[in-house]
PDB file of N, CA and C in Angstrom:
ATOM      1  N   MET A   1     -12.910  26.128 -45.970  1.00  0.00           N
ATOM      2  CA  MET A   1     -14.309  26.490 -46.118  1.00  0.00           C
ATOM      3  C   MET A   1     -14.907  26.794 -44.749  1.00  0.00           C
ATOM      4  N   ILE A   2     -15.694  27.844 -44.717  1.00  0.00           N
ATOM      5  CA  ILE A   2     -16.414  28.228 -43.503  1.00  0.00           C
ATOM      6  C   ILE A   2     -17.894  28.307 -43.840  1.00  0.00           C
ATOM      7  N   ASP A   3     -18.731  27.761 -42.964  1.00  0.00           N
ATOM      8  CA  ASP A   3     -20.174  27.932 -43.099  1.00  0.00           C
ATOM      9  C   ASP A   3     -20.526  29.313 -42.565  1.00  0.00           C
ATOM     10  N   VAL A   4     -21.220  30.100 -43.365  1.00  0.00           N
ATOM     11  CA  VAL A   4     -21.648  31.435 -42.956  1.00  0.00           C
ATOM     12  C   VAL A   4     -23.161  31.447 -42.917  1.00  0.00           C
ATOM     13  N   LEU A   5     -23.711  31.829 -41.759  1.00  0.00           N
ATOM     14  CA  LEU A   5     -25.157  31.864 -41.557  1.00  0.00           C
ATOM     15  C   LEU A   5     -25.612  33.307 -41.401  1.00  0.00           C
ATOM     16  N   TYR A   6     -26.777  33.603 -41.953  1.00  0.00           N
ATOM     17  CA  TYR A   6     -27.347  34.945 -41.894  1.00  0.00           C
ATOM     18  C   TYR A   6     -28.744  34.851 -41.287  1.00  0.00           C
ATOM     19  N   PHE A   7     -29.040  35.761 -40.354  1.00  0.00           N
ATOM     20  CA  PHE A   7     -30.331  35.744 -39.683  1.00  0.00           C
ATOM     21  C   PHE A   7     -31.046  37.079 -39.808  1.00  0.00           C
ATOM     22  N   ALA A   8     -32.374  37.023 -39.714  1.00  0.00           N
ATOM     23  CA  ALA A   8     -33.254  38.209 -39.700  1.00  0.00           C
ATOM     24  C   ALA A   8     -33.031  39.060 -40.949  1.00  0.00           C
ATOM     25  N   TRP A   9     -32.908  40.377 -40.774  1.00  0.00           N
ATOM     26  CA  TRP A   9     -32.798  41.252 -41.938  1.00  0.00           C
ATOM     27  C   TRP A   9     -31.494  41.058 -42.706  1.00  0.00           C
ATOM     28  N   VAL A  10     -30.474  40.498 -42.076  1.00  0.00           N
ATOM     29  CA  VAL A  10     -29.221  40.209 -42.794  1.00  0.00           C
ATOM     30  C   VAL A  10     -29.513  39.169 -43.879  1.00  0.00           C
ATOM     31  N   ARG A  11     -30.246  38.124 -43.501  1.00  0.00           N
ATOM     32  CA  ARG A  11     -30.647  37.085 -44.457  1.00  0.00           C
ATOM     33  C   ARG A  11     -31.509  37.675 -45.574  1.00  0.00           C
ATOM     34  N   GLU A  12     -32.427  38.561 -45.203  1.00  0.00           N
ATOM     35  CA  GLU A  12     -33.309  39.175 -46.203  1.00  0.00           C
ATOM     36  C   GLU A  12     -32.524  39.997 -47.221  1.00  0.00           C
ATOM     37  N   ARG A  13     -31.528  40.742 -46.764  1.00  0.00           N
ATOM     38  CA  ARG A  13     -30.736  41.571 -47.697  1.00  0.00           C
ATOM     39  C   ARG A  13     -29.841  40.732 -48.594  1.00  0.00           C
ATOM     40  N   ILE A  14     -29.270  39.674 -48.040  1.00  0.00           N
ATOM     41  CA  ILE A  14     -28.362  38.843 -48.830  1.00  0.00           C
ATOM     42  C   ILE A  14     -29.135  37.860 -49.706  1.00  0.00           C
ATOM     43  N   GLY A  15     -30.258  37.366 -49.190  1.00  0.00           N
ATOM     44  CA  GLY A  15     -31.103  36.500 -50.004  1.00  0.00           C
ATOM     45  C   GLY A  15     -30.910  35.016 -49.796  1.00  0.00           C
ATOM     46  N   VAL A  16     -30.022  34.629 -48.900  1.00  0.00           N
ATOM     47  CA  VAL A  16     -29.831  33.218 -48.571  1.00  0.00           C
ATOM     48  C   VAL A  16     -29.636  33.090 -47.058  1.00  0.00           C
ATOM     49  N   PRO A  17     -30.058  31.958 -46.484  1.00  0.00           N
ATOM     50  CA  PRO A  17     -29.891  31.794 -45.039  1.00  0.00           C
ATOM     51  C   PRO A  17     -28.494  31.332 -44.633  1.00  0.00           C
ATOM     52  N   ARG A  18     -27.792  30.663 -45.566  1.00  0.00           N
ATOM     53  CA  ARG A  18     -26.449  30.170 -45.263  1.00  0.00           C
ATOM     54  C   ARG A  18     -25.718  29.868 -46.554  1.00  0.00           C
ATOM     55  N   GLU A  19     -24.405  29.826 -46.462  1.00  0.00           N
ATOM     56  CA  GLU A  19     -23.582  29.446 -47.602  1.00  0.00           C
ATOM     57  C   GLU A  19     -22.223  29.004 -47.095  1.00  0.00           C
ATOM     58  N   GLN A  20     -21.520  28.258 -47.917  1.00  0.00           N
ATOM     59  CA  GLN A  20     -20.144  27.894 -47.618  1.00  0.00           C
ATOM     60  C   GLN A  20     -19.249  28.867 -48.354  1.00  0.00           C
ATOM     61  N   VAL A  21     -18.290  29.416 -47.629  1.00  0.00           N
ATOM     62  CA  VAL A  21     -17.417  30.432 -48.195  1.00  0.00           C
ATOM     63  C   VAL A  21     -15.976  29.936 -48.140  1.00  0.00           C
ATOM     64  N   ASP A  22     -15.331  29.964 -49.279  1.00  0.00           N
ATOM     65  CA  ASP A  22     -13.906  29.653 -49.362  1.00  0.00           C
ATOM     66  C   ASP A  22     -13.183  30.975 -49.138  1.00  0.00           C
ATOM     67  N   THR A  23     -12.505  31.105 -48.020  1.00  0.00           N
ATOM     68  CA  THR A  23     -11.930  32.391 -47.649  1.00  0.00           C
ATOM     69  C   THR A  23     -10.491  32.262 -47.183  1.00  0.00           C
ATOM     70  N   THR A  24      -9.758  33.339 -47.332  1.00  0.00           N
ATOM     71  CA  THR A  24      -8.408  33.437 -46.784  1.00  0.00           C
ATOM     72  C   THR A  24      -8.390  34.460 -45.643  1.00  0.00           C
ATOM     73  N   ALA A  25      -9.571  34.899 -45.218  1.00  0.00           N
ATOM     74  CA  ALA A  25      -9.683  35.924 -44.178  1.00  0.00           C
ATOM     75  C   ALA A  25      -9.072  35.440 -42.866  1.00  0.00           C
ATOM     76  N   ALA A  26      -8.359  36.328 -42.193  1.00  0.00           N
ATOM     77  CA  ALA A  26      -7.758  36.010 -40.905  1.00  0.00           C
ATOM     78  C   ALA A  26      -8.691  36.354 -39.746  1.00  0.00           C
ATOM     79  N   THR A  27      -9.538  37.367 -39.945  1.00  0.00           N
ATOM     80  CA  THR A  27     -10.447  37.821 -38.894  1.00  0.00           C
ATOM     81  C   THR A  27     -11.859  37.957 -39.459  1.00  0.00           C
ATOM     82  N   VAL A  28     -12.808  38.169 -38.568  1.00  0.00           N
ATOM     83  CA  VAL A  28     -14.187  38.378 -39.008  1.00  0.00           C
ATOM     84  C   VAL A  28     -14.277  39.607 -39.901  1.00  0.00           C
ATOM     85  N   VAL A  29     -13.597  40.687 -39.529  1.00  0.00           N
ATOM     86  CA  VAL A  29     -13.622  41.909 -40.349  1.00  0.00           C
ATOM     87  C   VAL A  29     -13.093  41.623 -41.750  1.00  0.00           C
ATOM     88  N   ASP A  30     -12.051  40.830 -41.843  1.00  0.00           N
ATOM     89  CA  ASP A  30     -11.517  40.464 -43.162  1.00  0.00           C
ATOM     90  C   ASP A  30     -12.565  39.700 -43.971  1.00  0.00           C
ATOM     91  N   LEU A  31     -13.263  38.793 -43.323  1.00  0.00           N
ATOM     92  CA  LEU A  31     -14.324  38.041 -43.999  1.00  0.00           C
ATOM     93  C   LEU A  31     -15.421  38.981 -44.481  1.00  0.00           C
ATOM     94  N   VAL A  32     -15.823  39.903 -43.631  1.00  0.00           N
ATOM     95  CA  VAL A  32     -16.850  40.872 -44.012  1.00  0.00           C
ATOM     96  C   VAL A  32     -16.399  41.665 -45.241  1.00  0.00           C
ATOM     97  N   GLU A  33     -15.154  42.092 -45.268  1.00  0.00           N
ATOM     98  CA  GLU A  33     -14.642  42.847 -46.421  1.00  0.00           C
ATOM     99  C   GLU A  33     -14.672  41.995 -47.688  1.00  0.00           C
ATOM    100  N   GLU A  34     -14.319  40.728 -47.577  1.00  0.00           N
ATOM    101  CA  GLU A  34     -14.396  39.826 -48.735  1.00  0.00           C
ATOM    102  C   GLU A  34     -15.839  39.703 -49.226  1.00  0.00           C
ATOM    103  N   LEU A  35     -16.767  39.537 -48.290  1.00  0.00           N
ATOM    104  CA  LEU A  35     -18.177  39.403 -48.662  1.00  0.00           C
ATOM    105  C   LEU A  35     -18.699  40.689 -49.304  1.00  0.00           C
ATOM    106  N   LYS A  36     -18.364  41.833 -48.718  1.00  0.00           N
ATOM    107  CA  LYS A  36     -18.823  43.114 -49.252  1.00  0.00           C
ATOM    108  C   LYS A  36     -18.332  43.348 -50.681  1.00  0.00           C
ATOM    109  N   ALA A  37     -17.176  42.812 -50.999  1.00  0.00           N
ATOM    110  CA  ALA A  37     -16.610  42.992 -52.343  1.00  0.00           C
ATOM    111  C   ALA A  37     -17.312  42.125 -53.385  1.00  0.00           C
ATOM    112  N   ARG A  38     -18.095  41.150 -52.949  1.00  0.00           N
ATOM    113  CA  ARG A  38     -18.770  40.237 -53.880  1.00  0.00           C
ATOM    114  C   ARG A  38     -19.789  40.945 -54.759  1.00  0.00           C
ATOM    115  N   GLU A  39     -20.724  41.639 -54.120  1.00  0.00           N
ATOM    116  CA  GLU A  39     -21.804  42.293 -54.860  1.00  0.00           C
ATOM    117  C   GLU A  39     -22.585  43.218 -53.926  1.00  0.00           C
ATOM    118  N   PRO A  40     -23.433  44.077 -54.482  1.00  0.00           N
ATOM    119  CA  PRO A  40     -24.128  45.098 -53.684  1.00  0.00           C
ATOM    120  C   PRO A  40     -24.991  44.573 -52.541  1.00  0.00           C
ATOM    121  N   ARG A  41     -25.579  43.403 -52.688  1.00  0.00           N
ATOM    122  CA  ARG A  41     -26.440  42.906 -51.601  1.00  0.00           C
ATOM    123  C   ARG A  41     -25.626  42.662 -50.330  1.00  0.00           C
ATOM    124  N   TYR A  42     -24.382  42.217 -50.451  1.00  0.00           N
ATOM    125  CA  TYR A  42     -23.516  42.033 -49.287  1.00  0.00           C
ATOM    126  C   TYR A  42     -23.082  43.389 -48.725  1.00  0.00           C
ATOM    127  N   GLU A  43     -22.789  44.298 -49.618  1.00  0.00           N
ATOM    128  CA  GLU A  43     -22.423  45.665 -49.193  1.00  0.00           C
ATOM    129  C   GLU A  43     -23.554  46.264 -48.361  1.00  0.00           C
ATOM    130  N   ALA A  44     -24.785  46.082 -48.791  1.00  0.00           N
ATOM    131  CA  ALA A  44     -25.937  46.619 -48.058  1.00  0.00           C
ATOM    132  C   ALA A  44     -26.091  45.938 -46.702  1.00  0.00           C
ATOM    133  N   ALA A  45     -25.909  44.636 -46.652  1.00  0.00           N
ATOM    134  CA  ALA A  45     -26.090  43.897 -45.404  1.00  0.00           C
ATOM    135  C   ALA A  45     -25.032  44.255 -44.362  1.00  0.00           C
ATOM    136  N   PHE A  46     -23.828  44.549 -44.824  1.00  0.00           N
ATOM    137  CA  PHE A  46     -22.721  44.825 -43.897  1.00  0.00           C
ATOM    138  C   PHE A  46     -22.318  46.298 -43.876  1.00  0.00           C
ATOM    139  N   ALA A  47     -23.224  47.178 -44.268  1.00  0.00           N
ATOM    140  CA  ALA A  47     -22.909  48.614 -44.345  1.00  0.00           C
ATOM    141  C   ALA A  47     -22.573  49.216 -42.984  1.00  0.00           C
ATOM    142  N   ASP A  48     -23.221  48.738 -41.927  1.00  0.00           N
ATOM    143  CA  ASP A  48     -22.998  49.292 -40.588  1.00  0.00           C
ATOM    144  C   ASP A  48     -22.795  48.150 -39.604  1.00  0.00           C
ATOM    145  N   LEU A  49     -21.549  47.825 -39.316  1.00  0.00           N
ATOM    146  CA  LEU A  49     -21.262  46.700 -38.422  1.00  0.00           C
ATOM    147  C   LEU A  49     -21.739  46.949 -36.997  1.00  0.00           C
ATOM    148  N   ARG A  50     -21.963  48.201 -36.637  1.00  0.00           N
ATOM    149  CA  ARG A  50     -22.488  48.498 -35.299  1.00  0.00           C
ATOM    150  C   ARG A  50     -23.901  47.940 -35.127  1.00  0.00           C
ATOM    151  N   ALA A  51     -24.584  47.666 -36.236  1.00  0.00           N
ATOM    152  CA  ALA A  51     -25.949  47.138 -36.200  1.00  0.00           C
ATOM    153  C   ALA A  51     -25.970  45.613 -36.257  1.00  0.00           C
ATOM    154  N   LEU A  52     -24.805  44.994 -36.137  1.00  0.00           N
ATOM    155  CA  LEU A  52     -24.701  43.538 -36.252  1.00  0.00           C
ATOM    156  C   LEU A  52     -23.969  42.925 -35.071  1.00  0.00           C
ATOM    157  N   ARG A  53     -24.247  41.656 -34.862  1.00  0.00           N
ATOM    158  CA  ARG A  53     -23.507  40.832 -33.919  1.00  0.00           C
ATOM    159  C   ARG A  53     -22.976  39.639 -34.701  1.00  0.00           C
ATOM    160  N   VAL A  54     -21.963  39.004 -34.129  1.00  0.00           N
ATOM    161  CA  VAL A  54     -21.369  37.840 -34.790  1.00  0.00           C
ATOM    162  C   VAL A  54     -21.125  36.747 -33.753  1.00  0.00           C
ATOM    163  N   ALA A  55     -21.319  35.511 -34.191  1.00  0.00           N
ATOM    164  CA  ALA A  55     -20.997  34.350 -33.363  1.00  0.00           C
ATOM    165  C   ALA A  55     -20.079  33.437 -34.160  1.00  0.00           C
ATOM    166  N   LEU A  56     -19.056  32.939 -33.486  1.00  0.00           N
ATOM    167  CA  LEU A  56     -18.124  31.994 -34.089  1.00  0.00           C
ATOM    168  C   LEU A  56     -18.341  30.646 -33.416  1.00  0.00           C
ATOM    169  N   ASP A  57     -18.689  29.656 -34.197  1.00  0.00           N
ATOM    170  CA  ASP A  57     -19.009  28.328 -33.669  1.00  0.00           C
ATOM    171  C   ASP A  57     -19.983  28.425 -32.492  1.00  0.00           C
ATOM    172  N   GLN A  58     -21.017  29.239 -32.676  1.00  0.00           N
ATOM    173  CA  GLN A  58     -22.134  29.422 -31.753  1.00  0.00           C
ATOM    174  C   GLN A  58     -21.758  30.111 -30.446  1.00  0.00           C
ATOM    175  N   GLU A  59     -20.651  30.863 -30.441  1.00  0.00           N
ATOM    176  CA  GLU A  59     -20.245  31.666 -29.284  1.00  0.00           C
ATOM    177  C   GLU A  59     -20.150  33.119 -29.721  1.00  0.00           C
ATOM    178  N   LEU A  60     -20.828  34.014 -28.988  1.00  0.00           N
ATOM    179  CA  LEU A  60     -20.738  35.437 -29.326  1.00  0.00           C
ATOM    180  C   LEU A  60     -19.288  35.865 -29.360  1.00  0.00           C
ATOM    181  N   SER A  61     -18.970  36.719 -30.312  1.00  0.00           N
ATOM    182  CA  SER A  61     -17.587  37.126 -30.507  1.00  0.00           C
ATOM    183  C   SER A  61     -17.528  38.570 -30.969  1.00  0.00           C
ATOM    184  N   ASP A  62     -16.307  39.033 -31.231  1.00  0.00           N
ATOM    185  CA  ASP A  62     -16.069  40.381 -31.736  1.00  0.00           C
ATOM    186  C   ASP A  62     -15.659  40.304 -33.200  1.00  0.00           C
ATOM    187  N   PHE A  63     -15.825  41.415 -33.893  1.00  0.00           N
ATOM    188  CA  PHE A  63     -15.484  41.449 -35.314  1.00  0.00           C
ATOM    189  C   PHE A  63     -13.979  41.388 -35.566  1.00  0.00           C
ATOM    190  N   ASP A  64     -13.174  41.653 -34.546  1.00  0.00           N
ATOM    191  CA  ASP A  64     -11.721  41.561 -34.734  1.00  0.00           C
ATOM    192  C   ASP A  64     -11.186  40.178 -34.345  1.00  0.00           C
ATOM    193  N   ALA A  65     -12.078  39.241 -34.036  1.00  0.00           N
ATOM    194  CA  ALA A  65     -11.674  37.896 -33.637  1.00  0.00           C
ATOM    195  C   ALA A  65     -11.064  37.115 -34.795  1.00  0.00           C
ATOM    196  N   SER A  66     -10.143  36.246 -34.450  1.00  0.00           N
ATOM    197  CA  SER A  66      -9.491  35.382 -35.427  1.00  0.00           C
ATOM    198  C   SER A  66     -10.449  34.300 -35.922  1.00  0.00           C
ATOM    199  N   LEU A  67     -10.290  33.925 -37.180  1.00  0.00           N
ATOM    200  CA  LEU A  67     -11.070  32.837 -37.761  1.00  0.00           C
ATOM    201  C   LEU A  67     -10.311  31.517 -37.765  1.00  0.00           C
ATOM    202  N   ALA A  68      -9.129  31.490 -37.163  1.00  0.00           N
ATOM    203  CA  ALA A  68      -8.330  30.264 -37.139  1.00  0.00           C
ATOM    204  C   ALA A  68      -9.106  29.141 -36.458  1.00  0.00           C
ATOM    205  N   GLY A  69      -9.322  28.060 -37.162  1.00  0.00           N
ATOM    206  CA  GLY A  69     -10.016  26.900 -36.626  1.00  0.00           C
ATOM    207  C   GLY A  69     -11.535  27.022 -36.566  1.00  0.00           C
ATOM    208  N   VAL A  70     -12.077  28.145 -36.978  1.00  0.00           N
ATOM    209  CA  VAL A  70     -13.519  28.372 -36.920  1.00  0.00           C
ATOM    210  C   VAL A  70     -14.199  27.629 -38.068  1.00  0.00           C
ATOM    211  N   ARG A  71     -15.312  26.976 -37.765  1.00  0.00           N
ATOM    212  CA  ARG A  71     -16.067  26.246 -38.791  1.00  0.00           C
ATOM    213  C   ARG A  71     -17.333  26.984 -39.209  1.00  0.00           C
ATOM    214  N   GLU A  72     -17.883  27.813 -38.287  1.00  0.00           N
ATOM    215  CA  GLU A  72     -19.153  28.471 -38.562  1.00  0.00           C
ATOM    216  C   GLU A  72     -19.139  29.908 -38.064  1.00  0.00           C
ATOM    217  N   VAL A  73     -19.592  30.819 -38.922  1.00  0.00           N
ATOM    218  CA  VAL A  73     -19.740  32.238 -38.578  1.00  0.00           C
ATOM    219  C   VAL A  73     -21.197  32.604 -38.797  1.00  0.00           C
ATOM    220  N   ALA A  74     -21.813  33.224 -37.805  1.00  0.00           N
ATOM    221  CA  ALA A  74     -23.206  33.643 -37.922  1.00  0.00           C
ATOM    222  C   ALA A  74     -23.318  35.148 -37.711  1.00  0.00           C
ATOM    223  N   PHE A  75     -24.059  35.802 -38.589  1.00  0.00           N
ATOM    224  CA  PHE A  75     -24.291  37.238 -38.490  1.00  0.00           C
ATOM    225  C   PHE A  75     -25.773  37.476 -38.210  1.00  0.00           C
ATOM    226  N   PHE A  76     -26.073  38.380 -37.266  1.00  0.00           N
ATOM    227  CA  PHE A  76     -27.448  38.650 -36.882  1.00  0.00           C
ATOM    228  C   PHE A  76     -27.536  40.016 -36.213  1.00  0.00           C
ATOM    229  N   PRO A  77     -28.724  40.610 -36.203  1.00  0.00           N
ATOM    230  CA  PRO A  77     -28.907  41.883 -35.516  1.00  0.00           C
ATOM    231  C   PRO A  77     -28.949  41.647 -34.012  1.00  0.00           C
ATOM    232  N   PRO A  78     -28.698  42.687 -33.218  1.00  0.00           N
ATOM    233  CA  PRO A  78     -28.794  42.532 -31.763  1.00  0.00           C
ATOM    234  C   PRO A  78     -30.190  42.053 -31.380  1.00  0.00           C
ATOM    235  N   MET A  79     -30.257  41.245 -30.353  1.00  0.00           N
ATOM    236  CA  MET A  79     -31.537  40.714 -29.892  1.00  0.00           C
ATOM    237  C   MET A  79     -31.973  41.480 -28.655  1.00  0.00           C
ATOM    238  N   THR A  80     -33.262  41.642 -28.526  1.00  0.00           N
ATOM    239  CA  THR A  80     -33.817  42.276 -27.329  1.00  0.00           C
ATOM    240  C   THR A  80     -34.697  41.271 -26.611  1.00  0.00           C
ATOM    241  N   GLY A  81     -34.729  41.390 -25.331  1.00  0.00           N
ATOM    242  CA  GLY A  81     -35.550  40.478 -24.539  1.00  0.00           C
ATOM    243  C   GLY A  81     -36.921  41.090 -24.257  1.00  0.00           C
ATOM    244  N   GLY A  82     -37.771  40.285 -23.709  1.00  0.00           N
ATOM    245  CA  GLY A  82     -39.049  40.866 -23.341  1.00  0.00           C
ATOM    246  C   GLY A  82     -40.172  39.896 -23.354  1.00  0.00           C
TER     247      GLY A  82
END
């Protein structure tokens, strides 16, 4: 089981702030594909990965990163400072 957190408009499209996901995904991209296959709201949230960032156990990461040993995955839009 992996805790998956959604922030900002990702949370709004999916409709929940977090969930536990039972997954066999090896990488973040694999997890995204599993989520997108669930239902249209996930497909809409993950339609353009270039518009998203991901953190694994609260560390910024890449979508091709391994999920081995990961407990938490967070998806969010890029942040701007100011």
